[in-house]
Structure formats: C-alpha cells, structure tokens
Amino acid sequence: MLRHLEPAPVKPRRVVVVGAAGFVGVAVCRQLVAAGVETLPVTRAECDLLDANAIERLANLLRDGDAIVAASAIAPCKNIDMLIDNMRLTRALVGAIGRTNASHVVNISSDAVYGDEPVPLTESAPAAPASFHGAMHLAREITFQSDVKAPLAVLRPTLIYGSDDPHNGYGPNRFRRLAAKGEDIVLFGAGEERRDHVWIEDVAEIVVRVLLRRSTGVLNVASGATHSFRAIADLVVASSRHKVAIKDTPRSGPMPHDGYRPFDVAATRAAFPDFQYTQLADGLNKVRQAGNA
C-alpha cells in the first residue's frame, strides 16, 4: 500500500530519472516533461553505473531536493554474473543517493519478487522469487530499503507492453512485431497460460502520480485482468493487415507460474481513485496506432 506525503499533487523541484534510455525510463521522462516537471534524464552516456567511479559521477549530477527514479537495471537478469552486475549497479545508485539530500526515491522493481499464489496477488503477498530476475529485484528492494534515508516508493510492474519494448518479450510485443511482418505467431503449448499485461504509458503515469504525491510504500502495477497468450495472439491477428497463422508447439516443461498469475489492484484504486488501467484490447490498439503514426 502507498501513503501520500503530499495531500494534493505537488511538482518536485526536479526529477532525476536514472536509466532514462530504458523502456520505462523513456516513458517516465516523456510524461514528466508533458506535466511541466523539470527532468534530468541520466543514461549510460552521462554515468555508467558499472564504472569504478560511478558513485562520484552520479552524485555530482544530483542536487539536494531532487526526486530520483531508479529505473536502471540489466534485465532480464538470467544468471549469477548478471545478478552480480545488477548489485554493483545498485550499490552505485544508493551510494550516490546517500551523498545528497534527496526529497523522494522511486525504485522500479518487478512482480517477479513474488512466488506463485492460487489467488490474485496483493502487495502483502510474500516475496519468494523463483528466478535470478526476481532475486535481483528483491535484493535491490532490500538495499534501497536499508540504505536510502529519503522517502521511498517501490513499484512492482507485471509484464509491460508497448511499441518501444527493447526485449521483444513473448506476448503482446513479440506477437505484434511478428504480425506486422506477416510472420506466423508461435505459441508455447497452446498459449493457454493466463497473465496480466500492463501498458507502458499506464506504468509511467503511476510513476508520475507517485512522484507528485511523494508517495511511500509498495505498489503493484498491473491491470487487474488476465488473458491467455492465445487470446492475445487472436487480438493481434484480428487487427493485422497481414494474414497471420497462430501455431501451437509442444511444451518442453511446465507452464510458468502454474499457468495463472492474477493481481488484485485494490491498492491502486485506493491510492489513485480517478486512475483507470487501460484494458488490453484498447492498449494494443493504441500501440498499433502509434506504430502507424
């Protein structure tokens, strides 16, 4: 759950987005600028967080009173070496933040910190990651909670889709790109597992709202609706200009998350009663329109 330190939206003096060239960082910067918030994007060009002098370089970019969005990570984290590099990166982030008087910190985490539950996940669900990626994000959360003295919000998005996704992840992003090229969509099994997918612009809007209210605590960022990958493929194909086939393939292992990973979004409704997540069909249509622009 979130707690708002500001009773009404207040623009921070400045927001520093670390990881501003990433999928989430780009969208957050775009919405902050549109909201008239002074924004400093920090990419690897300004500060490589794996460099030996990263703490000093990042600290020199920060001012007292800054709000900071930590959106930089090497993701998805697939092995122990990537986990170690992510923790080096995190050490640089918290080390630099510790050298300034930040007004607020927002850490972009992941729903991968949770284990699998047969009921919709809430923010109080136990952290029990079953992957390097989940373990990395949980270790980051623990580091921020332990070492950052400024008010801290931790946001845990589920699977994110949008036109600028750099990972081409299985689901809306990959299916849309395959269909745009007239290539068949190949499913794992029959695509029967059901997952929640959240539009990148909704993720960015939640980040901006958290910054404007100087919110603290933990919040899942998910639409609250689950769809099978087969249903997602059907939506993509229905709006494609090409004739695209959807093909099943034999599974080589069990379905991830037991085939079902829903979320309870009551905490989002409580924190931001006027906010509505974009439903998948509408979000896919907006992504398609953006791609045709």
Protein backbone atom coordinates (compact mmCIF):
# COMPACT_ATOMS: atom_id res chain seq x y z
CA MET A 1 0.00 0.00 0.00
CA LEU A 2 1.03 3.58 -0.59
CA ARG A 3 0.96 6.51 1.81
CA HIS A 4 0.94 10.00 0.29
CA LEU A 5 3.16 12.58 1.97
CA GLU A 6 1.55 15.33 -0.11
CA PRO A 7 -2.23 15.73 0.37
CA ALA A 8 -2.54 17.03 -3.21
CA PRO A 9 -0.25 16.76 -6.26
CA VAL A 10 2.87 18.94 -5.98
CA LYS A 11 5.57 19.14 -8.65
CA PRO A 12 9.01 18.15 -7.32
CA ARG A 13 11.77 20.71 -7.78
CA ARG A 14 13.43 18.32 -10.20
CA VAL A 15 13.16 14.64 -11.05
CA VAL A 16 16.30 12.71 -11.97
CA VAL A 17 15.49 9.57 -13.98
CA VAL A 18 18.39 7.12 -13.81
CA GLY A 19 18.01 4.65 -16.64
CA ALA A 20 16.34 7.26 -18.84
CA ALA A 21 17.14 5.40 -22.07
CA GLY A 22 15.31 2.23 -20.97
CA PHE A 23 11.75 1.18 -21.75
CA VAL A 24 10.29 2.55 -18.50
CA GLY A 25 12.70 5.49 -18.24
CA VAL A 26 11.84 6.89 -21.67
CA ALA A 27 8.10 6.78 -20.95
CA VAL A 28 8.52 8.35 -17.50
CA CYS A 29 10.65 11.20 -18.86
CA ARG A 30 8.12 11.86 -21.61
CA GLN A 31 5.23 12.13 -19.17
CA LEU A 32 7.19 14.24 -16.68
CA VAL A 33 8.09 16.76 -19.39
CA ALA A 34 4.47 16.81 -20.56
CA ALA A 35 3.42 17.56 -16.96
CA GLY A 36 5.82 20.52 -16.82
CA VAL A 37 8.19 18.89 -14.31
CA GLU A 38 11.88 19.77 -14.58
CA THR A 39 13.53 16.48 -15.53
CA LEU A 40 17.15 15.33 -15.76
CA PRO A 41 17.48 12.13 -17.82
CA VAL A 42 20.56 10.11 -16.86
CA THR A 43 21.70 7.43 -19.31
CA ARG A 44 24.86 5.39 -19.57
CA ALA A 45 26.39 8.24 -21.57
CA GLU A 46 26.18 10.52 -18.53
CA CYS A 47 27.05 7.86 -15.96
CA ASP A 48 27.89 4.19 -16.46
CA LEU A 49 26.81 2.71 -13.15
CA LEU A 50 29.26 -0.18 -13.54
CA ASP A 51 32.29 2.14 -13.69
CA ALA A 52 34.56 2.26 -10.66
CA ASN A 53 33.84 5.98 -10.17
CA ALA A 54 30.07 5.70 -10.75
CA ILE A 55 29.09 6.83 -7.25
CA GLU A 56 31.02 10.06 -7.54
CA ARG A 57 29.89 10.73 -11.11
CA LEU A 58 26.21 10.22 -10.31
CA ALA A 59 26.44 12.16 -7.06
CA ASN A 60 27.85 15.11 -8.99
CA LEU A 61 24.73 15.13 -11.17
CA LEU A 62 22.37 15.22 -8.18
CA ARG A 63 21.16 18.23 -6.20
CA ASP A 64 19.70 18.45 -2.74
CA GLY A 65 15.92 18.25 -3.04
CA ASP A 66 15.90 16.06 -6.13
CA ALA A 67 13.37 13.29 -6.52
CA ILE A 68 15.04 10.24 -8.08
CA VAL A 69 13.56 7.46 -10.18
CA ALA A 70 15.74 4.33 -10.16
CA ALA A 71 14.82 2.71 -13.48
CA SER A 72 18.23 1.36 -14.39
CA ALA A 73 18.80 -2.40 -14.37
CA ILE A 74 20.32 -5.11 -16.56
CA ALA A 75 17.17 -7.04 -17.39
CA PRO A 76 16.01 -9.65 -17.65
CA CYS A 77 18.55 -10.99 -15.17
CA LYS A 78 19.31 -14.55 -16.32
CA ASN A 79 22.37 -15.75 -14.40
CA ILE A 80 24.68 -15.15 -11.45
CA ASP A 81 27.01 -12.84 -13.39
CA MET A 82 24.10 -10.58 -14.36
CA LEU A 83 22.91 -10.66 -10.75
CA ILE A 84 26.33 -9.52 -9.53
CA ASP A 85 26.46 -6.72 -12.10
CA ASN A 86 22.98 -5.57 -11.08
CA MET A 87 24.05 -5.36 -7.47
CA ARG A 88 27.14 -3.35 -8.45
CA LEU A 89 24.79 -1.02 -10.30
CA THR A 90 22.50 -0.83 -7.26
CA ARG A 91 25.45 -0.06 -4.98
CA ALA A 92 26.32 2.89 -7.21
CA LEU A 93 22.73 4.14 -7.14
CA VAL A 94 22.27 4.03 -3.38
CA GLY A 95 25.80 5.26 -2.79
CA ALA A 96 25.20 8.38 -4.87
CA ILE A 97 21.78 8.97 -3.33
CA GLY A 98 23.38 8.73 0.10
CA ARG A 99 25.64 11.69 -0.74
CA THR A 100 22.76 14.07 -1.32
CA ASN A 101 19.60 15.14 0.45
CA ALA A 102 17.03 13.57 -1.88
CA SER A 103 13.39 14.51 -1.36
CA HIS A 104 11.98 11.23 -2.67
CA VAL A 105 13.13 7.99 -4.32
CA VAL A 106 11.08 5.69 -6.55
CA ASN A 107 12.55 2.25 -7.23
CA ILE A 108 11.20 0.39 -10.27
CA SER A 109 11.10 -3.25 -9.22
CA SER A 110 9.13 -6.21 -10.64
CA ASP A 111 6.34 -8.62 -9.76
CA ALA A 112 8.99 -11.34 -10.16
CA VAL A 113 9.76 -10.88 -6.45
CA TYR A 114 6.59 -12.83 -5.64
CA GLY A 115 6.12 -16.56 -5.54
CA ASP A 116 3.14 -18.24 -7.16
CA GLU A 117 -0.23 -17.99 -5.45
CA PRO A 118 -3.60 -19.52 -6.43
CA VAL A 119 -5.34 -16.20 -5.71
CA PRO A 120 -4.78 -12.65 -7.01
CA LEU A 121 -1.53 -11.19 -5.73
CA THR A 122 -1.60 -8.21 -3.40
CA GLU A 123 1.23 -6.08 -2.04
CA SER A 124 1.18 -8.18 1.15
CA ALA A 125 1.92 -11.44 -0.71
CA PRO A 126 5.22 -12.95 0.48
CA ALA A 127 8.34 -12.30 -1.54
CA ALA A 128 9.56 -15.70 -2.77
CA PRO A 129 11.35 -15.26 -6.10
CA ALA A 130 11.99 -18.37 -8.16
CA SER A 131 14.33 -16.82 -10.73
CA PHE A 132 17.54 -14.79 -10.90
CA HIS A 133 15.44 -11.89 -12.16
CA GLY A 134 13.15 -11.99 -9.14
CA ALA A 135 16.07 -12.47 -6.75
CA MET A 136 17.83 -9.47 -8.30
CA HIS A 137 14.85 -7.19 -7.84
CA LEU A 138 14.26 -8.36 -4.28
CA ALA A 139 17.93 -7.75 -3.44
CA ARG A 140 17.60 -4.26 -4.94
CA GLU A 141 14.50 -3.58 -2.87
CA ILE A 142 16.24 -4.68 0.32
CA THR A 143 19.25 -2.47 -0.49
CA PHE A 144 17.07 0.59 -1.14
CA GLN A 145 15.00 -0.02 1.99
CA SER A 146 18.14 -0.48 4.10
CA ASP A 147 20.38 2.27 2.74
CA VAL A 148 18.14 5.05 1.38
CA LYS A 149 17.04 7.53 4.04
CA ALA A 150 14.72 9.56 1.80
CA PRO A 151 11.00 8.67 1.49
CA LEU A 152 10.89 5.56 -0.71
CA ALA A 153 8.29 4.05 -3.04
CA VAL A 154 8.76 0.61 -4.58
CA LEU A 155 6.72 -0.13 -7.71
CA ARG A 156 6.34 -3.71 -8.94
CA PRO A 157 5.09 -3.81 -12.54
CA THR A 158 3.98 -7.05 -14.13
CA LEU A 159 4.59 -7.80 -17.84
CA ILE A 160 4.80 -4.48 -19.70
CA TYR A 161 3.90 -3.98 -23.34
CA GLY A 162 4.40 -1.03 -25.68
CA SER A 163 5.84 -0.05 -29.02
CA ASP A 164 9.35 0.70 -27.74
CA ASP A 165 9.93 -2.51 -25.78
CA PRO A 166 13.62 -3.44 -26.31
CA HIS A 167 13.30 -7.05 -25.15
CA ASN A 168 10.73 -8.32 -27.67
CA GLY A 169 9.24 -10.41 -24.88
CA TYR A 170 6.88 -13.30 -25.55
CA GLY A 171 3.37 -11.90 -25.63
CA PRO A 172 1.95 -8.63 -26.99
CA ASN A 173 5.30 -7.13 -28.02
CA ARG A 174 6.61 -10.12 -29.96
CA PHE A 175 3.22 -11.07 -31.40
CA ARG A 176 2.63 -7.55 -32.71
CA ARG A 177 6.03 -7.40 -34.39
CA LEU A 178 5.62 -10.83 -35.98
CA ALA A 179 2.18 -9.90 -37.33
CA ALA A 180 3.49 -6.59 -38.70
CA LYS A 181 5.99 -8.56 -40.78
CA GLY A 182 3.38 -11.10 -41.86
CA GLU A 183 5.09 -13.89 -39.91
CA ASP A 184 3.29 -16.64 -38.02
CA ILE A 185 2.87 -16.39 -34.24
CA VAL A 186 4.25 -19.46 -32.50
CA LEU A 187 2.86 -20.20 -29.05
CA PHE A 188 4.32 -22.17 -26.18
CA GLY A 189 1.95 -25.12 -25.99
CA ALA A 190 -1.49 -23.86 -26.91
CA GLY A 191 -0.86 -20.46 -25.28
CA GLU A 192 -3.28 -21.37 -22.53
CA GLU A 193 -1.50 -19.75 -19.59
CA ARG A 194 -3.12 -16.55 -18.38
CA ARG A 195 -1.14 -13.47 -17.41
CA ASP A 196 -1.67 -9.82 -16.65
CA HIS A 197 -0.15 -7.30 -19.08
CA VAL A 198 0.14 -3.57 -18.36
CA TRP A 199 0.61 -0.79 -20.92
CA ILE A 200 3.86 1.18 -20.60
CA GLU A 201 2.02 4.51 -20.54
CA ASP A 202 0.00 3.34 -17.53
CA VAL A 203 3.23 2.36 -15.76
CA ALA A 204 4.70 5.79 -16.48
CA GLU A 205 1.54 7.56 -15.30
CA ILE A 206 1.63 5.67 -12.00
CA VAL A 207 5.29 6.68 -11.54
CA VAL A 208 4.44 10.34 -12.19
CA ARG A 209 1.46 10.23 -9.83
CA VAL A 210 3.67 8.70 -7.11
CA LEU A 211 6.21 11.49 -7.62
CA LEU A 212 3.56 14.24 -7.47
CA ARG A 213 2.14 12.86 -4.20
CA ARG A 214 5.59 11.92 -2.79
CA SER A 215 4.15 8.51 -2.01
CA THR A 216 5.90 5.88 0.10
CA GLY A 217 5.37 2.15 0.36
CA VAL A 218 4.89 -0.65 -2.14
CA LEU A 219 2.51 -0.82 -5.10
CA ASN A 220 1.91 -3.47 -7.72
CA VAL A 221 1.41 -2.06 -11.21
CA ALA A 222 -0.90 -4.42 -13.11
CA SER A 223 -4.17 -4.07 -14.99
CA GLY A 224 -6.13 -6.50 -12.83
CA ALA A 225 -7.21 -8.56 -15.87
CA THR A 226 -5.69 -11.82 -17.12
CA HIS A 227 -5.64 -13.05 -20.71
CA SER A 228 -4.31 -16.23 -22.25
CA PHE A 229 -1.49 -15.86 -24.74
CA ARG A 230 -3.80 -17.45 -27.30
CA ALA A 231 -6.34 -14.66 -26.70
CA ILE A 232 -3.60 -12.04 -27.05
CA ALA A 233 -2.47 -13.59 -30.34
CA ASP A 234 -6.07 -13.57 -31.56
CA LEU A 235 -6.38 -9.84 -30.75
CA VAL A 236 -3.15 -9.07 -32.59
CA VAL A 237 -4.08 -11.10 -35.67
CA ALA A 238 -7.58 -9.59 -35.83
CA SER A 239 -6.11 -6.10 -36.26
CA SER A 240 -3.21 -7.11 -38.56
CA ARG A 241 -3.05 -6.09 -42.21
CA HIS A 242 -1.49 -9.46 -42.97
CA LYS A 243 -2.85 -12.97 -42.94
CA VAL A 244 -1.04 -14.49 -39.98
CA ALA A 245 -1.34 -18.01 -38.62
CA ILE A 246 -1.20 -18.89 -34.91
CA LYS A 247 0.66 -22.13 -34.28
CA ASP A 248 0.82 -24.34 -31.20
CA THR A 249 4.03 -26.14 -30.23
CA PRO A 250 4.71 -28.95 -27.76
CA ARG A 251 5.81 -27.76 -24.35
CA SER A 252 9.24 -28.72 -23.07
CA GLY A 253 8.39 -28.05 -19.43
CA PRO A 254 5.66 -26.91 -17.07
CA MET A 255 3.81 -23.65 -17.64
CA PRO A 256 5.42 -20.67 -15.86
CA HIS A 257 3.61 -19.65 -12.67
CA ASP A 258 1.37 -22.71 -12.95
CA GLY A 259 -0.34 -21.05 -15.89
CA TYR A 260 -2.06 -18.29 -13.90
CA ARG A 261 -0.79 -15.04 -12.31
CA PRO A 262 -3.57 -12.57 -11.47
CA PHE A 263 -3.35 -9.34 -9.45
CA ASP A 264 -5.67 -7.55 -7.06
CA VAL A 265 -5.48 -3.84 -7.95
CA ALA A 266 -7.41 -2.56 -4.93
CA ALA A 267 -4.32 -0.76 -3.65
CA THR A 268 -4.05 1.25 -6.87
CA ARG A 269 -7.72 2.20 -6.66
CA ALA A 270 -7.25 3.29 -3.05
CA ALA A 271 -4.15 5.34 -3.82
CA PHE A 272 -5.44 6.94 -7.04
CA PRO A 273 -9.26 6.62 -7.21
CA ASP A 274 -9.51 8.51 -10.50
CA PHE A 275 -6.99 6.30 -12.32
CA GLN A 276 -8.12 3.51 -14.62
CA TYR A 277 -5.79 0.95 -16.16
CA THR A 278 -6.01 0.63 -19.94
CA GLN A 279 -7.54 -2.70 -20.87
CA LEU A 280 -5.54 -4.93 -23.18
CA ALA A 281 -7.59 -4.56 -26.39
CA ASP A 282 -7.53 -0.77 -26.05
CA GLY A 283 -3.82 -0.72 -25.24
CA LEU A 284 -2.94 -2.92 -28.21
CA ASN A 285 -4.95 -0.62 -30.45
CA LYS A 286 -3.08 2.43 -29.13
CA VAL A 287 0.26 0.69 -29.67
CA ARG A 288 -0.76 -0.23 -33.22
CA GLN A 289 -1.84 3.36 -33.94
CA ALA A 290 1.45 4.70 -32.56
CA GLY A 291 3.36 2.31 -34.79
CA ASN A 292 1.48 3.56 -37.84
CA ALA A 293 1.99 7.23 -36.99
